[in-house]
Protein backbone atom coordinates (compact mmCIF):
# COMPACT_ATOMS: atom_id res chain seq x y z
CA MET A 1 0.00 -0.01 0.00
CA ARG A 2 2.85 2.37 0.87
CA SER A 3 4.58 1.84 -2.52
CA ALA A 4 1.27 2.34 -4.38
CA HIS A 5 0.69 5.57 -2.44
CA LEU A 6 4.21 6.81 -3.28
CA PHE A 7 3.68 5.92 -6.95
CA THR A 8 0.43 7.96 -6.99
CA ILE A 9 2.25 10.96 -5.49
CA PHE A 10 5.07 10.58 -8.02
CA VAL A 11 2.62 10.52 -10.95
CA ALA A 12 0.82 13.60 -9.60
CA ILE A 13 4.10 15.52 -9.26
CA LEU A 14 5.16 14.44 -12.75
CA CYS A 15 1.87 15.65 -14.23
CA VAL A 16 2.19 19.01 -12.52
CA ALA A 17 5.79 19.33 -13.75
CA CYS A 18 4.81 18.44 -17.32
CA SER A 19 1.93 20.88 -17.15
CA SER A 20 4.26 23.61 -15.92
CA VAL A 21 6.76 22.93 -18.69
CA LYS A 22 4.03 23.00 -21.30
CA THR A 23 2.64 26.27 -19.99
CA GLY A 24 6.11 27.79 -19.89
CA ASP A 25 6.81 26.72 -23.47
CA SER A 26 3.50 28.09 -24.72
CA LYS A 27 4.28 31.47 -23.21
CA LYS A 28 7.50 31.56 -25.21
CA GLU A 29 5.77 30.80 -28.48
CA PRO A 30 5.25 33.84 -30.70
CA LEU A 31 1.82 35.26 -31.34
CA LEU A 32 1.23 35.93 -35.01
CA PRO A 33 -0.70 38.96 -36.27
CA TYR A 34 -3.43 38.47 -38.84
CA VAL A 35 -5.90 40.78 -40.59
CA GLU A 36 -9.60 40.05 -40.92
CA ASP A 37 -12.12 42.65 -42.15
CA ASN A 38 -9.30 45.19 -41.98
CA ARG A 39 -8.80 44.60 -38.26
CA VAL A 40 -5.83 42.97 -36.54
CA GLY A 41 -5.87 40.02 -34.17
CA PHE A 42 -3.34 37.42 -33.10
CA LEU A 43 -3.00 33.65 -33.56
CA ASP A 44 -0.82 31.05 -31.90
CA THR A 45 1.51 28.93 -34.02
CA GLN A 46 -1.28 26.36 -34.48
CA LEU A 47 -3.34 29.24 -35.93
CA ASN A 48 -5.83 29.23 -33.06
CA LYS A 49 -7.23 32.66 -32.26
CA LYS A 50 -5.65 34.09 -29.13
CA ILE A 51 -6.65 37.74 -29.55
CA ASN A 52 -9.74 38.54 -31.59
CA PRO A 53 -9.34 41.01 -34.46
CA SER A 54 -10.17 44.22 -32.65
CA PHE A 55 -7.39 46.63 -33.64
CA ALA A 56 -7.58 48.75 -36.77
CA TYR A 57 -5.10 47.76 -39.46
CA LEU A 58 -2.90 50.84 -39.87
CA PRO A 59 0.36 49.91 -41.57
CA ASN A 60 3.36 51.80 -40.25
CA ARG A 61 6.86 50.99 -39.08
CA ASN A 62 5.45 48.75 -36.31
CA TRP A 63 3.78 46.39 -38.78
CA PRO A 64 3.71 43.45 -38.63
CA TYR A 65 3.05 43.72 -34.91
CA GLU A 66 5.33 41.62 -32.75
CA PHE A 67 5.44 40.85 -29.04
CA SER A 68 8.65 41.54 -27.18
CA GLU A 69 9.06 41.01 -23.44
CA GLY A 70 5.32 40.27 -23.25
CA LEU A 71 4.05 43.45 -24.89
CA ALA A 72 3.40 44.66 -28.44
CA ALA A 73 3.37 48.22 -29.76
CA ILE A 74 0.09 48.82 -31.63
CA ASN A 75 -0.98 51.73 -33.81
CA PHE A 76 -4.31 53.17 -32.62
CA LEU A 77 -5.54 55.66 -35.23
CA GLY A 78 -2.16 57.35 -35.54
CA VAL A 79 -0.93 57.07 -31.96
CA VAL A 80 0.87 54.09 -30.48
CA GLY A 81 0.14 52.15 -27.30
CA PHE A 82 0.91 48.66 -25.99
CA ILE A 83 -1.15 45.50 -25.46
CA ASP A 84 -0.37 42.34 -23.53
CA LYS A 85 -0.83 38.75 -24.72
CA ASP A 86 -4.44 38.76 -23.51
CA GLY A 87 -5.18 41.61 -25.88
CA ASP A 88 -5.65 44.13 -23.10
CA VAL A 89 -4.40 47.67 -23.59
CA VAL A 90 -1.87 48.06 -20.79
CA ILE A 91 -0.18 51.27 -21.93
CA GLU A 92 -2.59 53.84 -23.32
CA PRO A 93 -1.96 55.01 -26.89
CA LYS A 94 -0.35 58.43 -26.59
CA PHE A 95 2.96 58.22 -28.45
CA ASP A 96 3.74 59.49 -31.93
CA MET A 97 6.09 56.56 -32.33
CA ALA A 98 7.03 53.58 -30.18
CA TYR A 99 9.32 50.60 -30.50
CA ASN A 100 9.12 47.21 -28.82
CA PHE A 101 10.60 46.68 -25.37
CA SER A 102 14.30 45.89 -25.09
CA ASN A 103 16.19 45.44 -21.82
CA GLY A 104 12.98 46.30 -19.94
CA LEU A 105 12.45 49.70 -21.57
CA ALA A 106 10.76 50.88 -24.76
CA LEU A 107 11.89 53.78 -26.90
CA VAL A 108 9.05 56.21 -27.63
CA ARG A 109 8.63 59.57 -29.30
CA ALA A 110 6.32 62.28 -28.02
CA LYS A 111 6.19 65.88 -29.26
CA ASP A 112 9.21 65.30 -31.50
CA LYS A 113 11.43 64.12 -28.65
CA PHE A 114 12.54 60.60 -27.70
CA GLY A 115 12.37 59.06 -24.25
CA PHE A 116 12.03 55.63 -22.62
CA ILE A 117 9.08 54.10 -20.78
CA LYS A 118 8.72 51.25 -18.31
CA LYS A 119 6.16 48.47 -18.64
CA SER A 120 3.87 50.44 -16.38
CA GLY A 121 3.72 53.10 -19.10
CA SER A 122 5.40 55.74 -16.97
CA TYR A 123 8.58 57.39 -18.13
CA LYS A 124 11.87 56.00 -16.95
CA ILE A 125 13.62 58.69 -18.99
CA GLU A 126 11.56 61.72 -20.06
CA PRO A 127 11.51 62.67 -23.76
CA GLU A 128 14.49 64.98 -24.18
CA PHE A 129 16.47 63.57 -27.10
CA LYS A 130 16.28 64.44 -30.80
CA GLY A 131 17.72 61.05 -31.68
CA ALA A 132 17.87 57.74 -29.82
CA GLY A 133 18.29 54.01 -30.25
CA ASN A 134 17.27 50.99 -28.18
CA PHE A 135 18.85 49.71 -24.99
CA HIS A 136 21.20 46.78 -25.49
CA ASN A 137 23.87 45.80 -22.98
CA ASN A 138 22.02 48.33 -20.75
CA LEU A 139 23.22 51.20 -22.94
CA ALA A 140 21.36 53.27 -25.53
CA PRO A 141 22.71 55.70 -28.14
CA VAL A 142 21.26 59.22 -27.90
CA LYS A 143 21.83 62.76 -29.06
CA LYS A 144 20.40 65.84 -27.39
CA GLU A 145 19.77 68.08 -30.38
CA LYS A 146 19.51 67.69 -34.13
CA ASN A 147 23.13 68.67 -34.74
CA SER A 148 24.53 67.24 -31.50
CA LEU A 149 27.03 64.42 -31.28
CA TRP A 150 25.97 60.95 -30.15
CA GLY A 151 26.84 59.25 -26.88
CA TYR A 152 25.47 56.39 -24.77
CA ILE A 153 23.38 56.60 -21.61
CA ASN A 154 22.49 54.03 -18.96
CA LYS A 155 19.02 53.49 -17.53
CA LYS A 156 19.59 56.26 -15.00
CA ASN A 157 19.98 58.71 -17.90
CA GLU A 158 23.66 59.13 -17.18
CA PHE A 159 26.14 59.43 -20.03
CA ILE A 160 28.38 56.40 -19.64
CA ILE A 161 30.02 57.11 -23.00
CA VAL A 162 30.23 60.86 -23.55
CA PRO A 163 28.86 62.30 -26.81
CA ARG A 164 31.64 62.35 -29.38
CA PHE A 165 30.34 60.42 -32.38
CA LEU A 166 28.88 61.73 -35.61
CA ALA A 167 26.61 58.64 -35.69
CA ALA A 168 26.12 55.69 -33.34
CA LYS A 169 24.25 52.39 -33.60
CA ASP A 170 22.76 50.06 -30.99
CA PHE A 171 25.09 47.65 -29.22
CA SER A 172 25.15 44.18 -30.74
CA GLU A 173 27.14 41.27 -29.33
CA GLY A 174 28.99 43.65 -27.00
CA PHE A 175 30.10 46.08 -29.73
CA ALA A 176 28.63 49.29 -31.09
CA LEU A 177 29.25 50.72 -34.54
CA VAL A 178 30.19 54.41 -34.38
CA GLN A 179 31.32 57.10 -36.82
CA ASN A 180 34.06 59.58 -36.03
CA THR A 181 33.93 63.31 -36.75
CA ASP A 182 37.34 63.61 -38.46
CA HIS A 183 36.96 61.57 -41.63
CA LYS A 184 33.45 60.20 -41.14
CA GLU A 185 34.84 56.68 -40.92
CA TRP A 186 33.27 53.84 -38.95
CA GLY A 187 34.76 51.76 -36.17
CA PHE A 188 33.62 49.76 -33.15
CA ILE A 189 33.61 50.48 -29.43
CA ASN A 190 33.03 48.28 -26.38
CA THR A 191 30.68 49.00 -23.50
CA GLU A 192 33.42 51.06 -21.80
CA GLY A 193 33.53 53.39 -24.81
CA GLU A 194 36.96 52.18 -25.85
CA VAL A 195 37.65 51.99 -29.57
CA VAL A 196 38.45 48.32 -30.06
CA ILE A 197 38.38 48.28 -33.87
CA ASP A 198 39.84 51.47 -35.33
CA TYR A 199 37.93 53.93 -37.47
CA GLN A 200 38.76 52.86 -41.02
CA TYR A 201 35.63 51.80 -42.86
CA PRO A 202 33.66 54.05 -45.26
CA LYS A 203 30.59 51.92 -44.47
CA ALA A 204 29.92 49.11 -42.02
CA GLU A 205 27.21 47.06 -40.34
CA SER A 206 26.81 45.78 -36.79
CA PHE A 207 28.12 42.42 -35.59
CA SER A 208 25.96 39.34 -35.99
CA GLU A 209 27.07 35.79 -35.17
CA GLY A 210 30.61 37.04 -34.53
CA LEU A 211 31.11 38.77 -37.89
CA ALA A 212 30.47 42.28 -39.22
CA ALA A 213 30.08 43.37 -42.81
CA VAL A 214 32.41 46.24 -43.71
CA GLN A 215 33.38 48.08 -46.86
CA LEU A 216 37.02 47.41 -47.65
CA GLU A 217 39.11 47.79 -50.81
CA TYR A 218 37.60 49.19 -54.00
CA LYS A 219 34.38 49.92 -52.08
CA GLN A 220 33.61 46.23 -51.99
CA TRP A 221 32.27 44.48 -48.93
CA GLY A 222 33.78 41.75 -46.82
CA TYR A 223 33.55 40.59 -43.19
CA ILE A 224 35.71 41.12 -40.12
CA ASP A 225 35.79 39.21 -36.84
CA THR A 226 35.60 40.72 -33.34
CA MET A 227 39.37 41.28 -33.37
CA GLY A 228 39.09 43.42 -36.49
CA ARG A 229 40.76 40.79 -38.67
CA VAL A 230 39.47 40.25 -42.20
CA HIS A 231 37.56 36.99 -42.09
CA ILE A 232 36.04 37.08 -45.58
CA ASP A 233 37.84 39.09 -48.25
CA SER A 234 36.10 42.06 -49.86
CA ARG A 235 34.44 41.04 -53.12
CA PHE A 236 30.73 41.75 -52.68
CA LEU A 237 28.73 44.72 -53.91
CA GLU A 238 26.59 44.46 -50.77
CA ALA A 239 26.71 42.29 -47.68
CA GLY A 240 24.07 41.59 -45.04
CA PRO A 241 24.17 40.23 -41.50
CA PHE A 242 24.79 36.57 -40.72
CA SER A 243 21.77 34.62 -39.54
CA GLU A 244 21.67 30.87 -38.98
CA GLY A 245 25.20 30.66 -40.40
CA LYS A 246 24.39 32.34 -43.69
CA ALA A 247 24.50 35.89 -45.07
CA ALA A 248 22.86 37.45 -48.10
CA VAL A 249 25.39 39.14 -50.40
CA ALA A 250 25.25 40.79 -53.82
CA MET A 251 27.47 40.20 -56.83
CA PRO A 252 27.49 41.78 -60.31
CA GLU A 253 25.07 40.03 -62.63
CA ASP A 254 27.81 39.81 -65.25
CA GLU A 255 31.24 41.25 -65.96
CA THR A 256 29.95 43.78 -68.48
CA ASN A 257 27.47 45.40 -66.11
CA LEU A 258 28.87 45.86 -62.63
CA ASP A 259 25.91 47.96 -61.45
CA THR A 260 23.27 45.26 -61.91
CA LYS A 261 23.24 43.09 -58.79
CA LYS A 262 22.04 39.59 -58.01
CA TYR A 263 21.83 38.25 -54.47
CA GLY A 264 22.86 34.88 -53.08
CA TYR A 265 24.08 33.45 -49.77
CA VAL A 266 27.52 32.64 -48.40
CA ASN A 267 28.61 30.61 -45.40
CA LYS A 268 31.11 31.82 -42.80
CA ARG A 269 33.99 30.73 -45.02
CA GLY A 270 32.76 33.12 -47.67
CA ARG A 271 31.74 30.31 -50.01
CA PHE A 272 28.52 30.59 -51.96
CA ILE A 273 26.07 27.98 -50.78
CA ILE A 274 23.21 29.55 -52.77
CA GLU A 275 24.31 31.16 -56.01
CA PRO A 276 23.41 34.81 -56.75
CA LYS A 277 20.16 34.78 -58.74
CA PHE A 278 17.70 36.88 -56.74
CA ASP A 279 16.84 40.56 -57.11
CA GLU A 280 16.78 40.99 -53.34
CA ALA A 281 17.46 38.67 -50.42
CA PHE A 282 16.91 38.77 -46.68
CA PRO A 283 18.29 36.91 -43.60
CA PHE A 284 17.31 33.32 -42.84
CA SER A 285 14.73 32.77 -40.11
CA ASN A 286 13.43 29.36 -39.03
CA GLY A 287 15.47 27.77 -41.84
CA ILE A 288 13.67 29.84 -44.49
CA ALA A 289 14.64 33.11 -46.21
CA ARG A 290 12.48 35.50 -48.20
CA VAL A 291 13.72 36.66 -51.56
CA LYS A 292 12.51 38.92 -54.33
CA ILE A 293 12.30 38.00 -58.01
CA GLY A 294 11.25 40.87 -60.20
CA ASN A 295 8.66 42.76 -58.17
CA LYS A 296 7.29 39.70 -56.34
CA TYR A 297 8.39 37.82 -53.23
CA THR A 298 8.76 34.18 -52.33
CA TYR A 299 10.79 32.03 -49.90
CA ILE A 300 13.67 29.63 -50.28
CA ASN A 301 14.91 26.79 -48.08
CA GLU A 302 18.50 26.19 -47.02
CA GLN A 303 19.25 24.47 -50.30
CA GLY A 304 18.17 27.56 -52.20
CA LYS A 305 15.04 25.91 -53.57
CA MET A 306 11.91 28.07 -53.79
CA ILE A 307 9.12 26.70 -51.65
CA SER A 308 6.50 28.53 -53.74
CA ASP A 309 6.21 30.54 -56.90
CA PRO A 310 7.10 34.27 -56.58
CA ILE A 311 3.52 35.50 -56.34
CA TYR A 312 3.45 37.61 -53.18
CA ASP A 313 3.23 41.40 -53.18
CA MET A 314 5.02 41.42 -49.82
CA ALA A 315 6.42 38.83 -47.41
CA TRP A 316 7.93 38.85 -43.93
CA ASP A 317 10.31 36.59 -42.03
CA PHE A 318 9.13 33.19 -40.84
CA LYS A 319 8.13 32.97 -37.19
CA GLY A 320 6.93 29.85 -35.43
CA GLY A 321 7.30 27.89 -38.67
CA LEU A 322 4.98 30.18 -40.65
CA GLY A 323 5.48 33.09 -43.04
CA LEU A 324 3.20 36.11 -43.27
CA VAL A 325 2.51 37.12 -46.88
CA LYS A 326 0.39 39.69 -48.69
CA ILE A 327 -1.27 38.81 -51.97
CA ASN A 328 -3.94 40.81 -53.85
CA ASN A 329 -4.14 43.15 -50.84
CA LYS A 330 -4.97 40.24 -48.52
CA PHE A 331 -2.89 38.64 -45.78
CA ALA A 332 -2.21 34.94 -45.33
CA TYR A 333 0.22 32.50 -43.70
CA ILE A 334 2.13 29.79 -45.52
CA ASN A 335 4.09 26.86 -44.11
CA LYS A 336 7.56 25.65 -45.05
CA GLU A 337 6.14 23.65 -47.94
CA GLY A 338 4.68 26.82 -49.41
CA ILE A 339 1.10 25.73 -48.71
CA PHE A 340 -1.43 28.17 -47.28
CA SER A 341 -1.95 27.40 -43.60
CA LEU A 342 -4.25 30.40 -43.34
CA GLU A 343 -6.06 31.38 -46.52
CA PRO A 344 -5.82 35.03 -47.65
CA LEU A 345 -8.00 37.31 -45.55
CA SER A 346 -8.70 40.97 -46.15
């Protein structure tokens, strides 16, 4: 009897644990926006309705809406507020512009000035900047006035890195891309404000997966590592960030016309794993990348094979195994086989 009783307790504990794990996992799953009768709602990754379509579809820089740190910035008739995953408005719409939460704060613009809010909706840092980026590594790039230099503040609104840059980007992988005032060249600093990769690049992009695209010789692009060493020689007309071990790059379509570009993908050795044949290409997400052929979009898999014909007027990155597409002014979701999981809705 004692062993049977212990077994019953063990099963009960196991069920509770499994239930907790399942609940935790479901909270981490993305919610996917969809449009029905010109109103926006949200689905889970099984395409079950989680938030009924109750928000007006107003395309702006926040679209497609995405949850970050439990909240999503939504456009309400020209002003932006935030909802939670139950669809409740938790921060009233009152901002001219707002970005998703990062490091516990959200960048917002009110009356032509940028500031940062907490999840309560109250200001952590009042709007006082003419330019600002998001918090990463607990630092955010800001400039006080239109013609001011950029520096980096902490969450107490203290300048940890004094303003001295002509331009400054968000921190990524512990480095921030900054432009000097002397020759308008780009270099990289660490979170202490120390220049760790000298100013030397006419153009550059932030680090992703340990590599950064930079413009090198003959205005061609290559990649450097975090020590500033050339990892992939410069030979591309354009170069994008690495994602899932691959980066979209552009090459001349042929030797007689160096201005006409075609995009393909290279691995971290700089070898083409998908030959340049697309008119535009974007980072991989969920093992799928969106590409443009002519004036239409489609998706490719990791072998470079199109999963559907290029028929979409617009497409966005895959999330939760599904891709949001727009066709004939209607929105739909397709799966990795290119089949409609959610038929086009207006």
